[in-house]
Amino acid sequence: MPDYLVVLQGAWVVKKARSIDDAMNIAVAEAGKRLNPDLDFVEIDVGSVECPKCGEPFKSAFMVAKMALVGLIFEMKVFNADSEEHAARIAKYEIGKRLQRIPLEVIDVVKLG
């Protein structure tokens, strides 16, 4: 059975952030705390979105009144899955179980090897 790299996107709310950079750092740190130690191999990063006007990518974080919404990217390797769909379900289940009430969406599934 093949191995897969599954990429998920999640929406993280940060309260009382002082700046966009602060909000992004807090979001990554809080997500890391919830995933560790069980899923310490999951890579966490701030996602990026494309500007609808100019097409340039920018960090997916939005802040109003010291409250921010940060788009996080989670990458997880899934071993011995039956298919891409099976690998995506495994990753979404394992990450979602630890990040309750955080909406997750599968962005990409890549077969390894």
PDB file of N, CA and C in Angstrom:
ATOM      1  N   MET A   1       0.846  -1.183   0.000  1.00  0.00           N
ATOM      2  CA  MET A   1       0.000   0.000   0.000  1.00  0.00           C
ATOM      3  C   MET A   1       0.889   1.243   0.000  1.00  0.00           C
ATOM      4  N   PRO A   2       0.508   2.252  -0.772  1.00  0.00           N
ATOM      5  CA  PRO A   2       1.348   3.450  -0.909  1.00  0.00           C
ATOM      6  C   PRO A   2       1.232   4.422   0.271  1.00  0.00           C
ATOM      7  N   ASP A   3       2.186   5.348   0.308  1.00  0.00           N
ATOM      8  CA  ASP A   3       2.213   6.418   1.298  1.00  0.00           C
ATOM      9  C   ASP A   3       1.798   7.721   0.616  1.00  0.00           C
ATOM     10  N   TYR A   4       1.232   8.646   1.404  1.00  0.00           N
ATOM     11  CA  TYR A   4       0.736   9.906   0.862  1.00  0.00           C
ATOM     12  C   TYR A   4       1.130  11.078   1.751  1.00  0.00           C
ATOM     13  N   LEU A   5       1.247  12.240   1.136  1.00  0.00           N
ATOM     14  CA  LEU A   5       1.390  13.494   1.862  1.00  0.00           C
ATOM     15  C   LEU A   5       0.056  14.218   1.723  1.00  0.00           C
ATOM     16  N   VAL A   6      -0.587  14.478   2.867  1.00  0.00           N
ATOM     17  CA  VAL A   6      -1.900  15.124   2.872  1.00  0.00           C
ATOM     18  C   VAL A   6      -1.734  16.543   3.404  1.00  0.00           C
ATOM     19  N   VAL A   7      -2.298  17.495   2.675  1.00  0.00           N
ATOM     20  CA  VAL A   7      -2.241  18.901   3.070  1.00  0.00           C
ATOM     21  C   VAL A   7      -3.651  19.368   3.397  1.00  0.00           C
ATOM     22  N   LEU A   8      -3.818  19.847   4.636  1.00  0.00           N
ATOM     23  CA  LEU A   8      -5.106  20.352   5.093  1.00  0.00           C
ATOM     24  C   LEU A   8      -4.995  21.847   5.374  1.00  0.00           C
ATOM     25  N   GLN A   9      -6.120  22.525   5.274  1.00  0.00           N
ATOM     26  CA  GLN A   9      -6.200  23.942   5.585  1.00  0.00           C
ATOM     27  C   GLN A   9      -7.182  24.102   6.737  1.00  0.00           C
ATOM     28  N   GLY A  10      -6.840  24.951   7.704  1.00  0.00           N
ATOM     29  CA  GLY A  10      -7.719  25.180   8.844  1.00  0.00           C
ATOM     30  C   GLY A  10      -7.851  26.658   9.158  1.00  0.00           C
ATOM     31  N   ALA A  11      -8.977  27.041   9.740  1.00  0.00           N
ATOM     32  CA  ALA A  11      -9.235  28.431  10.128  1.00  0.00           C
ATOM     33  C   ALA A  11      -9.045  28.568  11.632  1.00  0.00           C
ATOM     34  N   TRP A  12      -8.137  29.448  12.055  1.00  0.00           N
ATOM     35  CA  TRP A  12      -7.803  29.604  13.469  1.00  0.00           C
ATOM     36  C   TRP A  12      -8.120  31.031  13.915  1.00  0.00           C
ATOM     37  N   VAL A  13      -8.897  31.174  14.979  1.00  0.00           N
ATOM     38  CA  VAL A  13      -9.243  32.483  15.519  1.00  0.00           C
ATOM     39  C   VAL A  13      -8.294  32.813  16.667  1.00  0.00           C
ATOM     40  N   VAL A  14      -7.722  34.017  16.631  1.00  0.00           N
ATOM     41  CA  VAL A  14      -6.822  34.487  17.687  1.00  0.00           C
ATOM     42  C   VAL A  14      -7.422  35.752  18.280  1.00  0.00           C
ATOM     43  N   LYS A  15      -7.632  35.734  19.596  1.00  0.00           N
ATOM     44  CA  LYS A  15      -8.179  36.901  20.291  1.00  0.00           C
ATOM     45  C   LYS A  15      -7.041  37.693  20.924  1.00  0.00           C
ATOM     46  N   LYS A  16      -7.215  38.983  21.012  1.00  0.00           N
ATOM     47  CA  LYS A  16      -6.276  39.898  21.666  1.00  0.00           C
ATOM     48  C   LYS A  16      -4.890  39.890  21.028  1.00  0.00           C
ATOM     49  N   ALA A  17      -4.832  39.821  19.728  1.00  0.00           N
ATOM     50  CA  ALA A  17      -3.554  39.874  19.013  1.00  0.00           C
ATOM     51  C   ALA A  17      -3.116  41.330  18.895  1.00  0.00           C
ATOM     52  N   ARG A  18      -1.812  41.563  19.007  1.00  0.00           N
ATOM     53  CA  ARG A  18      -1.285  42.927  18.917  1.00  0.00           C
ATOM     54  C   ARG A  18      -0.988  43.338  17.482  1.00  0.00           C
ATOM     55  N   SER A  19      -0.721  42.348  16.623  1.00  0.00           N
ATOM     56  CA  SER A  19      -0.409  42.622  15.223  1.00  0.00           C
ATOM     57  C   SER A  19      -0.692  41.371  14.406  1.00  0.00           C
ATOM     58  N   ILE A  20      -0.613  41.503  13.098  1.00  0.00           N
ATOM     59  CA  ILE A  20      -0.806  40.344  12.217  1.00  0.00           C
ATOM     60  C   ILE A  20       0.277  39.299  12.488  1.00  0.00           C
ATOM     61  N   ASP A  21       1.538  39.742  12.609  1.00  0.00           N
ATOM     62  CA  ASP A  21       2.631  38.804  12.892  1.00  0.00           C
ATOM     63  C   ASP A  21       2.412  38.094  14.216  1.00  0.00           C
ATOM     64  N   ASP A  22       1.953  38.836  15.223  1.00  0.00           N
ATOM     65  CA  ASP A  22       1.658  38.251  16.530  1.00  0.00           C
ATOM     66  C   ASP A  22       0.558  37.197  16.391  1.00  0.00           C
ATOM     67  N   ALA A  23      -0.495  37.513  15.651  1.00  0.00           N
ATOM     68  CA  ALA A  23      -1.606  36.579  15.457  1.00  0.00           C
ATOM     69  C   ALA A  23      -1.139  35.299  14.765  1.00  0.00           C
ATOM     70  N   MET A  24      -0.291  35.444  13.735  1.00  0.00           N
ATOM     71  CA  MET A  24       0.204  34.258  13.024  1.00  0.00           C
ATOM     72  C   MET A  24       1.059  33.392  13.947  1.00  0.00           C
ATOM     73  N   ASN A  25       1.930  34.005  14.735  1.00  0.00           N
ATOM     74  CA  ASN A  25       2.776  33.254  15.671  1.00  0.00           C
ATOM     75  C   ASN A  25       1.942  32.547  16.727  1.00  0.00           C
ATOM     76  N   ILE A  26       0.938  33.239  17.257  1.00  0.00           N
ATOM     77  CA  ILE A  26       0.066  32.634  18.273  1.00  0.00           C
ATOM     78  C   ILE A  26      -0.699  31.453  17.685  1.00  0.00           C
ATOM     79  N   ALA A  27      -1.234  31.604  16.487  1.00  0.00           N
ATOM     80  CA  ALA A  27      -2.011  30.527  15.851  1.00  0.00           C
ATOM     81  C   ALA A  27      -1.159  29.278  15.652  1.00  0.00           C
ATOM     82  N   VAL A  28       0.052  29.448  15.140  1.00  0.00           N
ATOM     83  CA  VAL A  28       0.935  28.294  14.913  1.00  0.00           C
ATOM     84  C   VAL A  28       1.303  27.644  16.245  1.00  0.00           C
ATOM     85  N   ALA A  29       1.609  28.462  17.253  1.00  0.00           N
ATOM     86  CA  ALA A  29       1.995  27.921  18.563  1.00  0.00           C
ATOM     87  C   ALA A  29       0.840  27.174  19.224  1.00  0.00           C
ATOM     88  N   GLU A  30      -0.356  27.742  19.182  1.00  0.00           N
ATOM     89  CA  GLU A  30      -1.516  27.081  19.799  1.00  0.00           C
ATOM     90  C   GLU A  30      -1.848  25.767  19.093  1.00  0.00           C
ATOM     91  N   ALA A  31      -1.782  25.764  17.775  1.00  0.00           N
ATOM     92  CA  ALA A  31      -2.047  24.527  17.032  1.00  0.00           C
ATOM     93  C   ALA A  31      -0.988  23.482  17.366  1.00  0.00           C
ATOM     94  N   GLY A  32       0.260  23.894  17.446  1.00  0.00           N
ATOM     95  CA  GLY A  32       1.335  22.968  17.789  1.00  0.00           C
ATOM     96  C   GLY A  32       1.147  22.360  19.169  1.00  0.00           C
ATOM     97  N   LYS A  33       0.696  23.164  20.132  1.00  0.00           N
ATOM     98  CA  LYS A  33       0.455  22.644  21.485  1.00  0.00           C
ATOM     99  C   LYS A  33      -0.625  21.576  21.482  1.00  0.00           C
ATOM    100  N   ARG A  34      -1.675  21.794  20.694  1.00  0.00           N
ATOM    101  CA  ARG A  34      -2.772  20.815  20.657  1.00  0.00           C
ATOM    102  C   ARG A  34      -2.367  19.521  19.955  1.00  0.00           C
ATOM    103  N   LEU A  35      -1.476  19.615  18.981  1.00  0.00           N
ATOM    104  CA  LEU A  35      -1.071  18.422  18.234  1.00  0.00           C
ATOM    105  C   LEU A  35       0.036  17.637  18.940  1.00  0.00           C
ATOM    106  N   ASN A  36       0.861  18.305  19.725  1.00  0.00           N
ATOM    107  CA  ASN A  36       1.962  17.625  20.414  1.00  0.00           C
ATOM    108  C   ASN A  36       1.461  16.948  21.663  1.00  0.00           C
ATOM    109  N   PRO A  37       2.016  15.860  22.117  1.00  0.00           N
ATOM    110  CA  PRO A  37       3.129  15.124  21.530  1.00  0.00           C
ATOM    111  C   PRO A  37       2.691  14.053  20.526  1.00  0.00           C
ATOM    112  N   ASP A  38       1.379  13.799  20.445  1.00  0.00           N
ATOM    113  CA  ASP A  38       0.894  12.703  19.594  1.00  0.00           C
ATOM    114  C   ASP A  38       1.228  12.897  18.118  1.00  0.00           C
ATOM    115  N   LEU A  39       1.042  14.095  17.609  1.00  0.00           N
ATOM    116  CA  LEU A  39       1.252  14.360  16.184  1.00  0.00           C
ATOM    117  C   LEU A  39       2.334  15.409  15.979  1.00  0.00           C
ATOM    118  N   ASP A  40       3.467  15.235  16.656  1.00  0.00           N
ATOM    119  CA  ASP A  40       4.542  16.219  16.540  1.00  0.00           C
ATOM    120  C   ASP A  40       5.213  16.205  15.169  1.00  0.00           C
ATOM    121  N   PHE A  41       4.876  15.244  14.343  1.00  0.00           N
ATOM    122  CA  PHE A  41       5.440  15.150  12.987  1.00  0.00           C
ATOM    123  C   PHE A  41       4.622  15.942  11.965  1.00  0.00           C
ATOM    124  N   VAL A  42       3.502  16.515  12.364  1.00  0.00           N
ATOM    125  CA  VAL A  42       2.680  17.319  11.458  1.00  0.00           C
ATOM    126  C   VAL A  42       3.320  18.700  11.313  1.00  0.00           C
ATOM    127  N   GLU A  43       3.544  19.111  10.066  1.00  0.00           N
ATOM    128  CA  GLU A  43       4.108  20.432   9.793  1.00  0.00           C
ATOM    129  C   GLU A  43       2.980  21.456   9.805  1.00  0.00           C
ATOM    130  N   ILE A  44       3.205  22.575  10.509  1.00  0.00           N
ATOM    131  CA  ILE A  44       2.199  23.629  10.615  1.00  0.00           C
ATOM    132  C   ILE A  44       2.808  24.915  10.078  1.00  0.00           C
ATOM    133  N   ASP A  45       2.061  25.609   9.236  1.00  0.00           N
ATOM    134  CA  ASP A  45       2.526  26.880   8.700  1.00  0.00           C
ATOM    135  C   ASP A  45       1.322  27.756   8.385  1.00  0.00           C
ATOM    136  N   VAL A  46       1.577  29.050   8.242  1.00  0.00           N
ATOM    137  CA  VAL A  46       0.520  29.970   7.845  1.00  0.00           C
ATOM    138  C   VAL A  46       0.353  29.847   6.336  1.00  0.00           C
ATOM    139  N   GLY A  47      -0.876  29.736   5.899  1.00  0.00           N
ATOM    140  CA  GLY A  47      -1.150  29.589   4.477  1.00  0.00           C
ATOM    141  C   GLY A  47      -1.034  30.915   3.748  1.00  0.00           C
ATOM    142  N   SER A  48      -1.237  30.847   2.463  1.00  0.00           N
ATOM    143  CA  SER A  48      -1.230  32.068   1.668  1.00  0.00           C
ATOM    144  C   SER A  48      -2.426  32.047   0.728  1.00  0.00           C
ATOM    145  N   VAL A  49      -2.880  33.235   0.391  1.00  0.00           N
ATOM    146  CA  VAL A  49      -3.986  33.395  -0.549  1.00  0.00           C
ATOM    147  C   VAL A  49      -3.544  34.356  -1.636  1.00  0.00           C
ATOM    148  N   GLU A  50      -4.230  34.300  -2.739  1.00  0.00           N
ATOM    149  CA  GLU A  50      -3.887  35.153  -3.873  1.00  0.00           C
ATOM    150  C   GLU A  50      -4.761  36.399  -3.866  1.00  0.00           C
ATOM    151  N   CYS A  51      -4.145  37.544  -4.035  1.00  0.00           N
ATOM    152  CA  CYS A  51      -4.874  38.806  -4.130  1.00  0.00           C
ATOM    153  C   CYS A  51      -5.779  38.752  -5.367  1.00  0.00           C
ATOM    154  N   PRO A  52      -7.082  39.018  -5.201  1.00  0.00           N
ATOM    155  CA  PRO A  52      -7.979  38.939  -6.358  1.00  0.00           C
ATOM    156  C   PRO A  52      -7.704  40.013  -7.412  1.00  0.00           C
ATOM    157  N   LYS A  53      -7.069  41.097  -7.025  1.00  0.00           N
ATOM    158  CA  LYS A  53      -6.825  42.187  -7.957  1.00  0.00           C
ATOM    159  C   LYS A  53      -5.509  42.029  -8.718  1.00  0.00           C
ATOM    160  N   CYS A  54      -4.404  41.786  -7.957  1.00  0.00           N
ATOM    161  CA  CYS A  54      -3.088  41.753  -8.609  1.00  0.00           C
ATOM    162  C   CYS A  54      -2.532  40.347  -8.799  1.00  0.00           C
ATOM    163  N   GLY A  55      -3.100  39.365  -8.099  1.00  0.00           N
ATOM    164  CA  GLY A  55      -2.640  37.994  -8.253  1.00  0.00           C
ATOM    165  C   GLY A  55      -1.436  37.622  -7.405  1.00  0.00           C
ATOM    166  N   GLU A  56      -0.922  38.563  -6.614  1.00  0.00           N
ATOM    167  CA  GLU A  56       0.234  38.285  -5.760  1.00  0.00           C
ATOM    168  C   GLU A  56      -0.207  37.504  -4.515  1.00  0.00           C
ATOM    169  N   PRO A  57       0.606  36.539  -4.069  1.00  0.00           N
ATOM    170  CA  PRO A  57       0.268  35.805  -2.844  1.00  0.00           C
ATOM    171  C   PRO A  57       0.598  36.635  -1.595  1.00  0.00           C
ATOM    172  N   PHE A  58      -0.222  36.465  -0.558  1.00  0.00           N
ATOM    173  CA  PHE A  58       0.068  37.076   0.734  1.00  0.00           C
ATOM    174  C   PHE A  58      -0.417  36.144   1.835  1.00  0.00           C
ATOM    175  N   LYS A  59       0.118  36.321   3.044  1.00  0.00           N
ATOM    176  CA  LYS A  59      -0.231  35.451   4.168  1.00  0.00           C
ATOM    177  C   LYS A  59      -1.730  35.530   4.443  1.00  0.00           C
ATOM    178  N   SER A  60      -2.331  34.389   4.729  1.00  0.00           N
ATOM    179  CA  SER A  60      -3.777  34.350   4.959  1.00  0.00           C
ATOM    180  C   SER A  60      -4.082  34.643   6.433  1.00  0.00           C
ATOM    181  N   ALA A  61      -4.059  35.917   6.745  1.00  0.00           N
ATOM    182  CA  ALA A  61      -4.403  36.381   8.082  1.00  0.00           C
ATOM    183  C   ALA A  61      -5.156  37.696   7.937  1.00  0.00           C
ATOM    184  N   PHE A  62      -6.221  37.838   8.721  1.00  0.00           N
ATOM    185  CA  PHE A  62      -7.051  39.033   8.670  1.00  0.00           C
ATOM    186  C   PHE A  62      -7.339  39.455  10.103  1.00  0.00           C
ATOM    187  N   MET A  63      -7.118  40.735  10.407  1.00  0.00           N
ATOM    188  CA  MET A  63      -7.287  41.201  11.778  1.00  0.00           C
ATOM    189  C   MET A  63      -8.171  42.439  11.831  1.00  0.00           C
ATOM    190  N   VAL A  64      -9.123  42.419  12.771  1.00  0.00           N
ATOM    191  CA  VAL A  64      -9.991  43.552  13.042  1.00  0.00           C
ATOM    192  C   VAL A  64     -10.194  43.618  14.553  1.00  0.00           C
ATOM    193  N   ALA A  65     -10.001  44.790  15.137  1.00  0.00           N
ATOM    194  CA  ALA A  65     -10.263  45.017  16.560  1.00  0.00           C
ATOM    195  C   ALA A  65      -9.570  43.990  17.455  1.00  0.00           C
ATOM    196  N   LYS A  66      -8.319  43.747  17.171  1.00  0.00           N
ATOM    197  CA  LYS A  66      -7.476  42.824  17.943  1.00  0.00           C
ATOM    198  C   LYS A  66      -7.948  41.370  17.896  1.00  0.00           C
ATOM    199  N   MET A  67      -8.806  41.042  16.942  1.00  0.00           N
ATOM    200  CA  MET A  67      -9.203  39.654  16.731  1.00  0.00           C
ATOM    201  C   MET A  67      -8.798  39.273  15.317  1.00  0.00           C
ATOM    202  N   ALA A  68      -8.142  38.107  15.192  1.00  0.00           N
ATOM    203  CA  ALA A  68      -7.623  37.707  13.887  1.00  0.00           C
ATOM    204  C   ALA A  68      -8.138  36.330  13.483  1.00  0.00           C
ATOM    205  N   LEU A  69      -8.274  36.167  12.175  1.00  0.00           N
ATOM    206  CA  LEU A  69      -8.560  34.868  11.577  1.00  0.00           C
ATOM    207  C   LEU A  69      -7.323  34.508  10.755  1.00  0.00           C
ATOM    208  N   VAL A  70      -6.704  33.383  11.116  1.00  0.00           N
ATOM    209  CA  VAL A  70      -5.459  32.960  10.465  1.00  0.00           C
ATOM    210  C   VAL A  70      -5.700  31.631   9.767  1.00  0.00           C
ATOM    211  N   GLY A  71      -5.336  31.564   8.509  1.00  0.00           N
ATOM    212  CA  GLY A  71      -5.438  30.325   7.748  1.00  0.00           C
ATOM    213  C   GLY A  71      -4.166  29.507   7.936  1.00  0.00           C
ATOM    214  N   LEU A  72      -4.298  28.326   8.543  1.00  0.00           N
ATOM    215  CA  LEU A  72      -3.142  27.466   8.779  1.00  0.00           C
ATOM    216  C   LEU A  72      -3.120  26.302   7.801  1.00  0.00           C
ATOM    217  N   ILE A  73      -1.922  25.869   7.469  1.00  0.00           N
ATOM    218  CA  ILE A  73      -1.706  24.705   6.615  1.00  0.00           C
ATOM    219  C   ILE A  73      -1.092  23.597   7.467  1.00  0.00           C
ATOM    220  N   PHE A  74      -1.659  22.408   7.386  1.00  0.00           N
ATOM    221  CA  PHE A  74      -1.160  21.234   8.100  1.00  0.00           C
ATOM    222  C   PHE A  74      -0.740  20.190   7.071  1.00  0.00           C
ATOM    223  N   GLU A  75       0.518  19.730   7.149  1.00  0.00           N
ATOM    224  CA  GLU A  75       1.010  18.678   6.254  1.00  0.00           C
ATOM    225  C   GLU A  75       1.314  17.436   7.075  1.00  0.00           C
ATOM    226  N   MET A  76       0.768  16.314   6.650  1.00  0.00           N
ATOM    227  CA  MET A  76       0.939  15.057   7.375  1.00  0.00           C
ATOM    228  C   MET A  76       1.197  13.921   6.395  1.00  0.00           C
ATOM    229  N   LYS A  77       2.202  13.120   6.681  1.00  0.00           N
ATOM    230  CA  LYS A  77       2.445  11.923   5.886  1.00  0.00           C
ATOM    231  C   LYS A  77       1.587  10.796   6.441  1.00  0.00           C
ATOM    232  N   VAL A  78       0.886  10.126   5.541  1.00  0.00           N
ATOM    233  CA  VAL A  78       0.043   8.986   5.907  1.00  0.00           C
ATOM    234  C   VAL A  78       0.615   7.763   5.217  1.00  0.00           C
ATOM    235  N   PHE A  79       0.929   6.737   6.001  1.00  0.00           N
ATOM    236  CA  PHE A  79       1.569   5.535   5.477  1.00  0.00           C
ATOM    237  C   PHE A  79       0.551   4.416   5.293  1.00  0.00           C
ATOM    238  N   ASN A  80       0.744   3.631   4.238  1.00  0.00           N
ATOM    239  CA  ASN A  80      -0.047   2.430   3.956  1.00  0.00           C
ATOM    240  C   ASN A  80      -1.548   2.694   3.842  1.00  0.00           C
ATOM    241  N   ALA A  81      -1.909   3.730   3.109  1.00  0.00           N
ATOM    242  CA  ALA A  81      -3.327   4.022   2.877  1.00  0.00           C
ATOM    243  C   ALA A  81      -3.784   3.307   1.611  1.00  0.00           C
ATOM    244  N   ASP A  82      -5.063   2.985   1.552  1.00  0.00           N
ATOM    245  CA  ASP A  82      -5.626   2.280   0.402  1.00  0.00           C
ATOM    246  C   ASP A  82      -5.727   3.162  -0.839  1.00  0.00           C
ATOM    247  N   SER A  83      -5.981   4.474  -0.621  1.00  0.00           N
ATOM    248  CA  SER A  83      -6.180   5.392  -1.739  1.00  0.00           C
ATOM    249  C   SER A  83      -5.946   6.816  -1.254  1.00  0.00           C
ATOM    250  N   GLU A  84      -6.027   7.771  -2.184  1.00  0.00           N
ATOM    251  CA  GLU A  84      -5.904   9.180  -1.807  1.00  0.00           C
ATOM    252  C   GLU A  84      -7.030   9.582  -0.852  1.00  0.00           C
ATOM    253  N   GLU A  85      -8.229   9.129  -1.132  1.00  0.00           N
ATOM    254  CA  GLU A  85      -9.373   9.455  -0.289  1.00  0.00           C
ATOM    255  C   GLU A  85      -9.201   8.883   1.110  1.00  0.00           C
ATOM    256  N   HIS A  86      -8.678   7.660   1.187  1.00  0.00           N
ATOM    257  CA  HIS A  86      -8.442   7.020   2.481  1.00  0.00           C
ATOM    258  C   HIS A  86      -7.388   7.797   3.266  1.00  0.00           C
ATOM    259  N   ALA A  87      -6.315   8.212   2.609  1.00  0.00           N
ATOM    260  CA  ALA A  87      -5.261   8.990   3.260  1.00  0.00           C
ATOM    261  C   ALA A  87      -5.813  10.322   3.764  1.00  0.00           C
ATOM    262  N   ALA A  88      -6.644  10.974   2.971  1.00  0.00           N
ATOM    263  CA  ALA A  88      -7.241  12.253   3.378  1.00  0.00           C
ATOM    264  C   ALA A  88      -8.148  12.080   4.590  1.00  0.00           C
ATOM    265  N   ARG A  89      -8.937  11.004   4.601  1.00  0.00           N
ATOM    266  CA  ARG A  89      -9.818  10.737   5.750  1.00  0.00           C
ATOM    267  C   ARG A  89      -9.015  10.480   7.011  1.00  0.00           C
ATOM    268  N   ILE A  90      -7.912   9.732   6.890  1.00  0.00           N
ATOM    269  CA  ILE A  90      -7.060   9.447   8.051  1.00  0.00           C
ATOM    270  C   ILE A  90      -6.472  10.734   8.612  1.00  0.00           C
ATOM    271  N   ALA A  91      -5.896  11.560   7.738  1.00  0.00           N
ATOM    272  CA  ALA A  91      -5.273  12.807   8.189  1.00  0.00           C
ATOM    273  C   ALA A  91      -6.308  13.738   8.815  1.00  0.00           C
ATOM    274  N   LYS A  92      -7.448  13.886   8.167  1.00  0.00           N
ATOM    275  CA  LYS A  92      -8.488  14.780   8.683  1.00  0.00           C
ATOM    276  C   LYS A  92      -9.004  14.285  10.031  1.00  0.00           C
ATOM    277  N   TYR A  93      -9.132  12.980  10.188  1.00  0.00           N
ATOM    278  CA  TYR A  93      -9.590  12.412  11.455  1.00  0.00           C
ATOM    279  C   TYR A  93      -8.561  12.640  12.561  1.00  0.00           C
ATOM    280  N   GLU A  94      -7.306  12.299  12.298  1.00  0.00           N
ATOM    281  CA  GLU A  94      -6.272  12.395  13.327  1.00  0.00           C
ATOM    282  C   GLU A  94      -6.025  13.840  13.753  1.00  0.00           C
ATOM    283  N   ILE A  95      -5.954  14.747  12.793  1.00  0.00           N
ATOM    284  CA  ILE A  95      -5.729  16.157  13.131  1.00  0.00           C
ATOM    285  C   ILE A  95      -7.002  16.749  13.737  1.00  0.00           C
ATOM    286  N   GLY A  96      -8.146  16.465  13.140  1.00  0.00           N
ATOM    287  CA  GLY A  96      -9.416  16.995  13.626  1.00  0.00           C
ATOM    288  C   GLY A  96      -9.767  16.558  15.032  1.00  0.00           C
ATOM    289  N   LYS A  97      -9.366  15.351  15.392  1.00  0.00           N
ATOM    290  CA  LYS A  97      -9.631  14.841  16.736  1.00  0.00           C
ATOM    291  C   LYS A  97      -8.949  15.710  17.793  1.00  0.00           C
ATOM    292  N   ARG A  98      -7.793  16.270  17.460  1.00  0.00           N
ATOM    293  CA  ARG A  98      -7.030  17.084  18.409  1.00  0.00           C
ATOM    294  C   ARG A  98      -7.334  18.572  18.283  1.00  0.00           C
ATOM    295  N   LEU A  99      -7.918  18.962  17.160  1.00  0.00           N
ATOM    296  CA  LEU A  99      -8.262  20.367  16.925  1.00  0.00           C
ATOM    297  C   LEU A  99      -9.771  20.517  16.824  1.00  0.00           C
ATOM    298  N   GLN A 100     -10.460  20.117  17.862  1.00  0.00           N
ATOM    299  CA  GLN A 100     -11.917  20.165  17.842  1.00  0.00           C
ATOM    300  C   GLN A 100     -12.404  21.596  17.634  1.00  0.00           C
ATOM    301  N   ARG A 101     -13.478  21.743  16.891  1.00  0.00           N
ATOM    302  CA  ARG A 101     -14.112  23.020  16.551  1.00  0.00           C
ATOM    303  C   ARG A 101     -13.242  23.890  15.644  1.00  0.00           C
ATOM    304  N   ILE A 102     -12.240  23.304  15.000  1.00  0.00           N
ATOM    305  CA  ILE A 102     -11.447  24.014  14.002  1.00  0.00           C
ATOM    306  C   ILE A 102     -11.842  23.432  12.645  1.00  0.00           C
ATOM    307  N   PRO A 103     -12.426  24.240  11.759  1.00  0.00           N
ATOM    308  CA  PRO A 103     -12.810  23.711  10.449  1.00  0.00           C
ATOM    309  C   PRO A 103     -11.582  23.346   9.625  1.00  0.00           C
ATOM    310  N   LEU A 104     -11.595  22.142   9.061  1.00  0.00           N
ATOM    311  CA  LEU A 104     -10.491  21.648   8.243  1.00  0.00           C
ATOM    312  C   LEU A 104     -10.989  21.292   6.844  1.00  0.00           C
ATOM    313  N   GLU A 105     -10.136  21.529   5.866  1.00  0.00           N
ATOM    314  CA  GLU A 105     -10.466  21.201   4.486  1.00  0.00           C
ATOM    315  C   GLU A 105      -9.220  20.593   3.830  1.00  0.00           C
ATOM    316  N   VAL A 106      -9.425  19.528   3.067  1.00  0.00           N
ATOM    317  CA  VAL A 106      -8.319  18.899   2.347  1.00  0.00           C
ATOM    318  C   VAL A 106      -7.981  19.768   1.131  1.00  0.00           C
ATOM    319  N   ILE A 107      -6.710  20.150   1.024  1.00  0.00           N
ATOM    320  CA  ILE A 107      -6.259  20.964  -0.108  1.00  0.00           C
ATOM    321  C   ILE A 107      -5.597  20.092  -1.172  1.00  0.00           C
ATOM    322  N   ASP A 108      -4.773  19.142  -0.723  1.00  0.00           N
ATOM    323  CA  ASP A 108      -4.000  18.349  -1.674  1.00  0.00           C
ATOM    324  C   ASP A 108      -3.629  17.006  -1.050  1.00  0.00           C
ATOM    325  N   VAL A 109      -3.546  15.998  -1.895  1.00  0.00           N
ATOM    326  CA  VAL A 109      -3.055  14.681  -1.490  1.00  0.00           C
ATOM    327  C   VAL A 109      -2.081  14.244  -2.576  1.00  0.00           C
ATOM    328  N   VAL A 110      -0.833  13.954  -2.168  1.00  0.00           N
ATOM    329  CA  VAL A 110       0.223  13.590  -3.118  1.00  0.00           C
ATOM    330  C   VAL A 110       0.742  12.205  -2.755  1.00  0.00           C
ATOM    331  N   LYS A 111       0.791  11.344  -3.744  1.00  0.00           N
ATOM    332  CA  LYS A 111       1.354  10.008  -3.550  1.00  0.00           C
ATOM    333  C   LYS A 111       2.871  10.109  -3.460  1.00  0.00           C
ATOM    334  N   LEU A 112       3.448   9.491  -2.427  1.00  0.00           N
ATOM    335  CA  LEU A 112       4.899   9.526  -2.240  1.00  0.00           C
ATOM    336  C   LEU A 112       5.552   8.284  -2.848  1.00  0.00           C
ATOM    337  N   GLY A 113       6.727   8.483  -3.386  1.00  0.00           N
ATOM    338  CA  GLY A 113       7.488   7.354  -3.879  1.00  0.00           C
ATOM    339  C   GLY A 113       7.185   6.860  -5.219  1.00  0.00           C
TER     340      GLY A 113
END
